[in-house]
C-alpha atoms as a PDB file:
ATOM      1  CA  MET A   1      83.339  75.092  89.049  1.00  0.00           C
ATOM      2  CA  TRP A   2      84.602  78.433  90.817  1.00  0.00           C
ATOM      3  CA  SER A   3      81.964  81.572  90.519  1.00  0.00           C
ATOM      4  CA  PRO A   4      83.577  85.111  90.216  1.00  0.00           C
ATOM      5  CA  LYS A   5      81.757  86.604  93.263  1.00  0.00           C
ATOM      6  CA  GLY A   6      84.553  87.847  95.001  1.00  0.00           C
ATOM      7  CA  SER A   7      84.861  89.719  98.661  1.00  0.00           C
ATOM      8  CA  ALA A   8      85.191  93.339  99.313  1.00  0.00           C
ATOM      9  CA  ASP A   9      87.075  92.496 102.134  1.00  0.00           C
ATOM     10  CA  ALA A  10      89.335  89.743 101.169  1.00  0.00           C
ATOM     11  CA  PRO A  11      92.840  90.996  99.915  1.00  0.00           C
ATOM     12  CA  PHE A  12      92.870  90.489  95.853  1.00  0.00           C
ATOM     13  CA  ASN A  13      95.516  87.807  96.003  1.00  0.00           C
ATOM     14  CA  ARG A  14      93.468  85.617  97.826  1.00  0.00           C
ATOM     15  CA  GLU A  15      90.695  86.124  95.727  1.00  0.00           C
ATOM     16  CA  MET A  16      93.179  85.148  93.057  1.00  0.00           C
ATOM     17  CA  ARG A  17      94.355  81.905  95.137  1.00  0.00           C
ATOM     18  CA  LYS A  18      90.570  81.359  95.460  1.00  0.00           C
ATOM     19  CA  ALA A  19      89.589  81.574  91.790  1.00  0.00           C
ATOM     20  CA  THR A  20      92.705  79.277  90.705  1.00  0.00           C
ATOM     21  CA  ARG A  21      92.518  76.835  93.547  1.00  0.00           C
ATOM     22  CA  ASP A  22      90.892  73.985  91.394  1.00  0.00           C
ATOM     23  CA  ILE A  23      92.568  74.721  88.043  1.00  0.00           C
ATOM     24  CA  HIS A  24      95.887  74.880  90.323  1.00  0.00           C
ATOM     25  CA  ALA A  25      95.503  71.771  91.554  1.00  0.00           C
ATOM     26  CA  VAL A  26      95.371  70.113  88.190  1.00  0.00           C
ATOM     27  CA  SER A  27      98.259  72.164  87.322  1.00  0.00           C
ATOM     28  CA  ASP A  28     100.290  70.791  90.372  1.00  0.00           C
ATOM     29  CA  ALA A  29      99.080  67.368  89.527  1.00  0.00           C
ATOM     30  CA  LEU A  30     100.594  67.494  85.819  1.00  0.00           C
ATOM     31  CA  VAL A  31     103.971  68.795  87.012  1.00  0.00           C
ATOM     32  CA  ASN A  32     104.212  66.285  89.596  1.00  0.00           C
ATOM     33  CA  GLY A  33     103.517  63.698  87.626  1.00  0.00           C
ATOM     34  CA  LYS A  34     104.668  64.186  84.058  1.00  0.00           C
ATOM     35  CA  LEU A  35     108.128  66.327  85.368  1.00  0.00           C
ATOM     36  CA  ALA A  36     108.750  65.008  88.922  1.00  0.00           C
ATOM     37  CA  LEU A  37     110.727  61.952  87.534  1.00  0.00           C
ATOM     38  CA  ALA A  38     112.253  63.573  84.675  1.00  0.00           C
ATOM     39  CA  LEU A  39     113.958  66.588  86.733  1.00  0.00           C
ATOM     40  CA  SER A  40     117.133  64.844  86.764  1.00  0.00           C
ATOM     41  CA  ASP A  41     117.513  64.722  82.973  1.00  0.00           C
ATOM     42  CA  ASN A  42     119.485  67.977  81.872  1.00  0.00           C
ATOM     43  CA  ILE A  43     117.474  67.736  78.115  1.00  0.00           C
ATOM     44  CA  VAL A  44     114.104  67.724  79.595  1.00  0.00           C
ATOM     45  CA  TRP A  45     114.622  70.666  82.157  1.00  0.00           C
ATOM     46  CA  ALA A  46     116.298  72.794  79.261  1.00  0.00           C
ATOM     47  CA  ASP A  47     113.228  71.821  77.185  1.00  0.00           C
ATOM     48  CA  GLY A  48     110.881  72.987  80.097  1.00  0.00           C
ATOM     49  CA  LEU A  49     112.931  76.070  80.165  1.00  0.00           C
ATOM     50  CA  LEU A  50     112.676  76.754  76.359  1.00  0.00           C
ATOM     51  CA  VAL A  51     108.952  76.668  76.611  1.00  0.00           C
ATOM     52  CA  PHE A  52     108.481  79.105  79.201  1.00  0.00           C
ATOM     53  CA  TYR A  53     111.353  81.581  78.042  1.00  0.00           C
ATOM     54  CA  GLU A  54     109.136  83.201  75.211  1.00  0.00           C
ATOM     55  CA  ILE A  55     106.347  83.738  77.976  1.00  0.00           C
ATOM     56  CA  PHE A  56     108.239  85.561  80.656  1.00  0.00           C
ATOM     57  CA  ARG A  57     109.803  87.771  77.796  1.00  0.00           C
ATOM     58  CA  TYR A  58     106.630  88.765  76.488  1.00  0.00           C
ATOM     59  CA  LEU A  59     105.569  89.901  79.989  1.00  0.00           C
ATOM     60  CA  GLU A  60     108.629  91.561  81.213  1.00  0.00           C
ATOM     61  CA  GLU A  61     108.898  93.353  77.809  1.00  0.00           C
ATOM     62  CA  ALA A  62     104.986  94.053  78.372  1.00  0.00           C
ATOM     63  CA  MET A  63     105.668  95.613  81.929  1.00  0.00           C
ATOM     64  CA  GLN A  64     108.306  97.698  80.188  1.00  0.00           C
ATOM     65  CA  ARG A  65     105.680  99.091  77.618  1.00  0.00           C
ATOM     66  CA  TYR A  66     103.139  99.731  80.073  1.00  0.00           C
ATOM     67  CA  ARG A  67     105.717 100.691  83.005  1.00  0.00           C
ATOM     68  CA  ASN A  68     103.478 103.891  83.716  1.00  0.00           C
ATOM     69  CA  GLN A  69     100.086 101.911  84.113  1.00  0.00           C
ATOM     70  CA  PRO A  70      98.828  99.202  86.449  1.00  0.00           C
ATOM     71  CA  LEU A  71     100.655  96.556  84.632  1.00  0.00           C
ATOM     72  CA  GLY A  72     104.093  97.982  85.327  1.00  0.00           C
ATOM     73  CA  GLN A  73     103.404  98.612  88.744  1.00  0.00           C
ATOM     74  CA  LEU A  74     103.431  94.770  89.469  1.00  0.00           C
ATOM     75  CA  ARG A  75     107.599  94.761  88.672  1.00  0.00           C
ATOM     76  CA  ILE A  76     109.323  94.480  91.752  1.00  0.00           C
ATOM     77  CA  GLU A  77     113.285  94.614  92.055  1.00  0.00           C
ATOM     78  CA  GLY A  78     115.068  91.549  90.643  1.00  0.00           C
ATOM     79  CA  MET A  79     112.338  90.010  89.645  1.00  0.00           C
ATOM     80  CA  GLU A  80     113.208  89.982  85.666  1.00  0.00           C
ATOM     81  CA  ARG A  81     114.184  86.236  84.119  1.00  0.00           C
ATOM     82  CA  THR A  82     114.868  86.853  80.559  1.00  0.00           C
ATOM     83  CA  GLU A  83     118.426  87.427  80.769  1.00  0.00           C
ATOM     84  CA  ALA A  84     118.531  84.225  83.226  1.00  0.00           C
ATOM     85  CA  PHE A  85     116.623  82.030  80.760  1.00  0.00           C
ATOM     86  CA  GLU A  86     118.988  83.042  77.848  1.00  0.00           C
ATOM     87  CA  ALA A  87     122.234  82.279  80.114  1.00  0.00           C
ATOM     88  CA  ASP A  88     120.652  78.734  81.128  1.00  0.00           C
ATOM     89  CA  LEU A  89     119.779  77.815  77.406  1.00  0.00           C
ATOM     90  CA  ARG A  90     122.921  78.742  76.441  1.00  0.00           C
ATOM     91  CA  TYR A  91     124.539  76.553  78.714  1.00  0.00           C
ATOM     92  CA  TYR A  92     122.264  73.620  77.808  1.00  0.00           C
ATOM     93  CA  LEU A  93     121.802  74.203  74.223  1.00  0.00           C
ATOM     94  CA  GLY A  94     124.945  75.561  73.335  1.00  0.00           C
ATOM     95  CA  GLU A  95     125.836  79.257  72.399  1.00  0.00           C
ATOM     96  CA  ASP A  96     124.019  79.286  68.785  1.00  0.00           C
ATOM     97  CA  TRP A  97     120.629  77.674  70.139  1.00  0.00           C
ATOM     98  CA  THR A  98     118.796  80.479  68.563  1.00  0.00           C
ATOM     99  CA  ALA A  99     119.996  79.468  65.099  1.00  0.00           C
ATOM    100  CA  THR A 100     117.407  76.482  64.831  1.00  0.00           C
ATOM    101  CA  TYR A 101     115.081  77.683  67.077  1.00  0.00           C
ATOM    102  CA  THR A 102     111.415  78.000  66.681  1.00  0.00           C
ATOM    103  CA  PRO A 103     108.520  78.075  68.829  1.00  0.00           C
ATOM    104  CA  ARG A 104     106.585  75.232  68.965  1.00  0.00           C
ATOM    105  CA  GLU A 105     102.506  75.084  68.752  1.00  0.00           C
ATOM    106  CA  SER A 106     102.055  75.689  72.547  1.00  0.00           C
ATOM    107  CA  VAL A 107     103.999  78.418  72.892  1.00  0.00           C
ATOM    108  CA  ALA A 108     102.929  80.077  69.480  1.00  0.00           C
ATOM    109  CA  ASN A 109      99.125  79.937  70.669  1.00  0.00           C
ATOM    110  CA  TYR A 110      99.900  81.139  74.404  1.00  0.00           C
ATOM    111  CA  LEU A 111     101.938  84.469  72.890  1.00  0.00           C
ATOM    112  CA  GLN A 112      98.966  84.717  70.432  1.00  0.00           C
ATOM    113  CA  HIS A 113      96.595  84.602  73.286  1.00  0.00           C
ATOM    114  CA  MET A 114      98.457  87.251  75.531  1.00  0.00           C
ATOM    115  CA  MET A 115      98.806  89.408  72.481  1.00  0.00           C
ATOM    116  CA  GLU A 116      95.248  89.372  71.929  1.00  0.00           C
ATOM    117  CA  VAL A 117      94.515  90.283  75.507  1.00  0.00           C
ATOM    118  CA  GLU A 118      97.130  93.018  75.623  1.00  0.00           C
ATOM    119  CA  GLU A 119      95.318  94.425  72.248  1.00  0.00           C
ATOM    120  CA  ASN A 120      91.956  94.313  74.341  1.00  0.00           C
ATOM    121  CA  ASP A 121      92.820  95.110  77.828  1.00  0.00           C
ATOM    122  CA  PRO A 122      96.740  95.137  78.781  1.00  0.00           C
ATOM    123  CA  ASP A 123      95.485  95.361  82.434  1.00  0.00           C
ATOM    124  CA  LEU A 124      94.315  91.932  82.398  1.00  0.00           C
ATOM    125  CA  LEU A 125      98.078  90.814  81.544  1.00  0.00           C
ATOM    126  CA  ILE A 126      98.032  91.567  85.537  1.00  0.00           C
ATOM    127  CA  ALA A 127      97.177  87.466  85.968  1.00  0.00           C
ATOM    128  CA  TYR A 128      99.910  86.430  83.925  1.00  0.00           C
ATOM    129  CA  VAL A 129     102.718  88.326  85.870  1.00  0.00           C
ATOM    130  CA  TYR A 130     101.453  87.610  89.184  1.00  0.00           C
ATOM    131  CA  HIS A 131     100.722  83.929  88.623  1.00  0.00           C
ATOM    132  CA  LEU A 132     104.166  83.190  86.780  1.00  0.00           C
ATOM    133  CA  TYR A 133     106.317  85.158  89.025  1.00  0.00           C
ATOM    134  CA  MET A 134     104.803  83.546  92.077  1.00  0.00           C
ATOM    135  CA  GLY A 135     104.924  80.306  90.685  1.00  0.00           C
ATOM    136  CA  LEU A 136     108.916  80.513  90.055  1.00  0.00           C
ATOM    137  CA  LEU A 137     109.338  81.986  93.493  1.00  0.00           C
ATOM    138  CA  SER A 138     107.254  79.420  95.073  1.00  0.00           C
ATOM    139  CA  GLY A 139     107.295  75.978  93.064  1.00  0.00           C
ATOM    140  CA  GLY A 140     110.414  76.928  91.191  1.00  0.00           C
ATOM    141  CA  GLN A 141     112.460  76.689  94.438  1.00  0.00           C
ATOM    142  CA  ILE A 142     111.286  73.622  95.128  1.00  0.00           C
ATOM    143  CA  LEU A 143     112.370  72.363  91.780  1.00  0.00           C
ATOM    144  CA  ARG A 144     115.775  74.073  92.088  1.00  0.00           C
ATOM    145  CA  LYS A 145     116.264  72.140  95.676  1.00  0.00           C
ATOM    146  CA  LYS A 146     115.403  68.552  94.147  1.00  0.00           C
ATOM    147  CA  ARG A 147     117.729  69.103  91.191  1.00  0.00           C
ATOM    148  CA  GLN A 148     120.320  70.129  93.531  1.00  0.00           C
ATOM    149  CA  LEU A 149     119.871  67.206  95.729  1.00  0.00           C
ATOM    150  CA  LEU A 150     119.729  64.579  92.538  1.00  0.00           C
ATOM    151  CA  ASN A 151     122.851  66.381  91.257  1.00  0.00           C
ATOM    152  CA  ARG A 152     124.840  65.155  94.538  1.00  0.00           C
ATOM    153  CA  PHE A 153     123.462  61.589  94.058  1.00  0.00           C
ATOM    154  CA  PRO A 154     123.666  60.780  90.423  1.00  0.00           C
ATOM    155  CA  MET A 155     122.724  57.294  91.019  1.00  0.00           C
ATOM    156  CA  LEU A 156     119.103  58.535  91.612  1.00  0.00           C
ATOM    157  CA  GLY A 157     119.225  60.717  88.335  1.00  0.00           C
ATOM    158  CA  VAL A 158     119.654  60.130  84.650  1.00  0.00           C
ATOM    159  CA  SER A 159     122.164  62.805  83.801  1.00  0.00           C
ATOM    160  CA  ARG A 160     124.548  65.213  85.831  1.00  0.00           C
ATOM    161  CA  LYS A 161     125.987  68.375  85.215  1.00  0.00           C
ATOM    162  CA  THR A 162     129.611  68.316  84.498  1.00  0.00           C
ATOM    163  CA  ARG A 163     130.359  72.026  84.880  1.00  0.00           C
ATOM    164  CA  PRO A 164     128.740  75.034  86.869  1.00  0.00           C
ATOM    165  CA  GLY A 165     125.835  76.940  85.602  1.00  0.00           C
ATOM    166  CA  GLY A 166     122.504  76.017  84.471  1.00  0.00           C
ATOM    167  CA  ASP A 167     120.299  77.228  87.237  1.00  0.00           C
ATOM    168  CA  ALA A 168     120.142  81.050  86.494  1.00  0.00           C
ATOM    169  CA  VAL A 169     116.256  80.975  86.228  1.00  0.00           C
ATOM    170  CA  THR A 170     116.043  80.060  89.741  1.00  0.00           C
ATOM    171  CA  ASP A 171     118.807  81.898  91.324  1.00  0.00           C
ATOM    172  CA  PHE A 172     117.685  85.407  92.675  1.00  0.00           C
ATOM    173  CA  GLY A 173     121.397  85.959  94.166  1.00  0.00           C
ATOM    174  CA  GLY A 174     121.102  86.928  97.656  1.00  0.00           C
ATOM    175  CA  ARG A 175     117.701  88.682  97.877  1.00  0.00           C
ATOM    176  CA  SER A 176     115.099  86.990  99.653  1.00  0.00           C
ATOM    177  CA  ILE A 177     112.799  84.719  98.389  1.00  0.00           C
ATOM    178  CA  TYR A 178     110.305  85.474 101.065  1.00  0.00           C
ATOM    179  CA  GLN A 179     110.550  89.297 100.425  1.00  0.00           C
ATOM    180  CA  MET A 180     110.227  88.902  96.843  1.00  0.00           C
ATOM    181  CA  LYS A 181     106.999  87.124  97.508  1.00  0.00           C
ATOM    182  CA  LYS A 182     105.883  89.738  99.966  1.00  0.00           C
ATOM    183  CA  ASP A 183     106.740  92.476  97.853  1.00  0.00           C
ATOM    184  CA  LEU A 184     104.833  90.799  94.612  1.00  0.00           C
ATOM    185  CA  VAL A 185     101.638  90.439  96.773  1.00  0.00           C
ATOM    186  CA  ALA A 186     101.679  94.107  97.988  1.00  0.00           C
ATOM    187  CA  ALA A 187     102.137  95.014  94.498  1.00  0.00           C
ATOM    188  CA  LEU A 188      99.243  93.261  93.347  1.00  0.00           C
ATOM    189  CA  ASN A 189      97.110  94.464  95.720  1.00  0.00           C
ATOM    190  CA  SER A 190      97.967  98.040  95.614  1.00  0.00           C
ATOM    191  CA  VAL A 191      96.992  97.949  92.006  1.00  0.00           C
ATOM    192  CA  ALA A 192      93.629  96.041  92.565  1.00  0.00           C
ATOM    193  CA  ALA A 193      92.714  98.925  95.103  1.00  0.00           C
ATOM    194  CA  GLU A 194      92.871 101.377  92.223  1.00  0.00           C
ATOM    195  CA  LEU A 195      90.574  99.096  90.035  1.00  0.00           C
ATOM    196  CA  ASP A 196      87.189  98.589  89.507  1.00  0.00           C
ATOM    197  CA  ASP A 197      85.083  95.628  90.433  1.00  0.00           C
ATOM    198  CA  ASP A 198      84.547  94.825  87.135  1.00  0.00           C
ATOM    199  CA  LYS A 199      88.057  95.051  86.063  1.00  0.00           C
ATOM    200  CA  LYS A 200      88.886  92.711  89.048  1.00  0.00           C
ATOM    201  CA  LYS A 201      86.518  90.297  88.125  1.00  0.00           C
ATOM    202  CA  LEU A 202      88.240  90.007  84.470  1.00  0.00           C
ATOM    203  CA  ILE A 203      91.727  89.591  86.002  1.00  0.00           C
ATOM    204  CA  LEU A 204      90.152  86.838  88.250  1.00  0.00           C
ATOM    205  CA  GLU A 205      88.579  85.006  85.138  1.00  0.00           C
ATOM    206  CA  GLU A 206      91.676  85.316  83.042  1.00  0.00           C
ATOM    207  CA  SER A 207      93.389  83.905  85.868  1.00  0.00           C
ATOM    208  CA  ARG A 208      91.962  80.510  85.185  1.00  0.00           C
ATOM    209  CA  THR A 209      93.000  80.811  81.550  1.00  0.00           C
ATOM    210  CA  VAL A 210      96.969  81.535  82.703  1.00  0.00           C
ATOM    211  CA  PHE A 211      96.906  77.941  84.233  1.00  0.00           C
ATOM    212  CA  GLU A 212      95.082  76.400  81.333  1.00  0.00           C
ATOM    213  CA  LEU A 213      97.910  77.741  78.875  1.00  0.00           C
ATOM    214  CA  ASN A 214     100.359  76.884  81.355  1.00  0.00           C
ATOM    215  CA  ASN A 215      99.330  73.265  81.362  1.00  0.00           C
ATOM    216  CA  THR A 216      99.589  73.148  77.511  1.00  0.00           C
ATOM    217  CA  LEU A 217     103.268  73.900  77.819  1.00  0.00           C
ATOM    218  CA  VAL A 218     103.788  71.324  80.243  1.00  0.00           C
ATOM    219  CA  ARG A 219     102.075  68.744  78.137  1.00  0.00           C
ATOM    220  CA  SER A 220     104.336  69.868  75.183  1.00  0.00           C
ATOM    221  CA  VAL A 221     107.836  69.409  77.199  1.00  0.00           C
ATOM    222  CA  LYS A 222     109.672  66.562  75.246  1.00  0.00           C
ATOM    223  CA  GLY A 223     111.820  63.737  76.496  1.00  0.00           C
ATOM    224  CA  VAL A 224     109.585  63.262  79.663  1.00  0.00           C
ATOM    225  CA  GLY A 225     108.456  59.637  78.419  1.00  0.00           C
ATOM    226  CA  GLN A 226     111.698  58.508  77.554  1.00  0.00           C
ATOM    227  CA  VAL A 227     113.151  59.687  80.970  1.00  0.00           C
ATOM    228  CA  ILE A 228     110.531  57.696  82.982  1.00  0.00           C
ATOM    229  CA  LEU A 229     111.209  54.654  80.958  1.00  0.00           C
ATOM    230  CA  ARG A 230     114.992  54.573  81.653  1.00  0.00           C
ATOM    231  CA  ASN A 231     114.249  55.274  85.516  1.00  0.00           C
ATOM    232  CA  VAL A 232     111.851  52.373  85.417  1.00  0.00           C
ATOM    233  CA  ALA A 233     114.564  50.349  83.928  1.00  0.00           C
ATOM    234  CA  PHE A 234     117.218  51.186  86.434  1.00  0.00           C
ATOM    235  CA  PHE A 235     114.900  50.393  89.161  1.00  0.00           C
ATOM    236  CA  LEU A 236     114.097  46.835  87.584  1.00  0.00           C
ATOM    237  CA  ALA A 237     117.735  46.292  87.147  1.00  0.00           C
ATOM    238  CA  PHE A 238     118.623  47.267  90.651  1.00  0.00           C
ATOM    239  CA  ILE A 239     116.031  45.191  91.769  1.00  0.00           C
ATOM    240  CA  PHE A 240     116.750  42.577  90.055  1.00  0.00           C
ATOM    241  CA  MET A 241     120.568  42.669  90.941  1.00  0.00           C
ATOM    242  CA  LEU A 242     119.422  42.959  94.691  1.00  0.00           C
ATOM    243  CA  TYR A 243     117.492  39.354  94.051  1.00  0.00           C
ATOM    244  CA  MET A 244     120.446  38.059  92.392  1.00  0.00           C
ATOM    245  CA  LEU A 245     122.916  38.865  95.638  1.00  0.00           C
ATOM    246  CA  CYS A 246     120.262  37.456  97.791  1.00  0.00           C
ATOM    247  CA  LYS A 247     120.040  34.010  96.010  1.00  0.00           C
ATOM    248  CA  MET A 248     123.721  33.728  95.671  1.00  0.00           C
ATOM    249  CA  PHE A 249     124.023  34.065  99.756  1.00  0.00           C
ATOM    250  CA  MET A 250     121.224  32.036 100.342  1.00  0.00           C
ATOM    251  CA  PHE A 251     122.672  29.110  98.555  1.00  0.00           C
END
């Protein structure tokens, strides 16, 4: 179990990483175990976008509300994703997707918690901005490349995009992902340098809640089980076909 002791000499981003190392590992295992085999299915991908859409939108609106305070100072050029989420959701779910949309329980609970955090101390939302956007700039780019690969080889996946689009959330245009990550780290450390130790300790503690809430979102993504079953069925059928071919040529 992590203990928020901290180090006066360590950059705050390293303290954030240290504070969440164990729970981050749980999140990685959950994503890799539950979503990796389903990344090729556009319905599952769209549902994943849907559960995180409200979270990113809330944080971007919060950064605007507190643009002259520490939270707003984490904004870096080109990071906003709300419009990108909406573009991708229109692509996968249709232009009128909002007509029947209601946030599911995991999303509502996440939003409620962030509202309570903002009401008590908006500076603690720094933990959400840093971890979620760093995740999109890191793991999000890996998922993007995997989906692009699967789309080139449809025999490895379940569904294939039939028209351009649907990847706006992970597309930052011509901007360097490396530089954006570097800028976000610099912004975090600059803000942290102006905060007292008690505030930084609270942000570190809230960082763990970020991952716990993220895990509830991932668990609520729909359709993963069906995709995995289809993939297993496809694999078994392929093995059976190879077996029959070998049997034919052996005799």
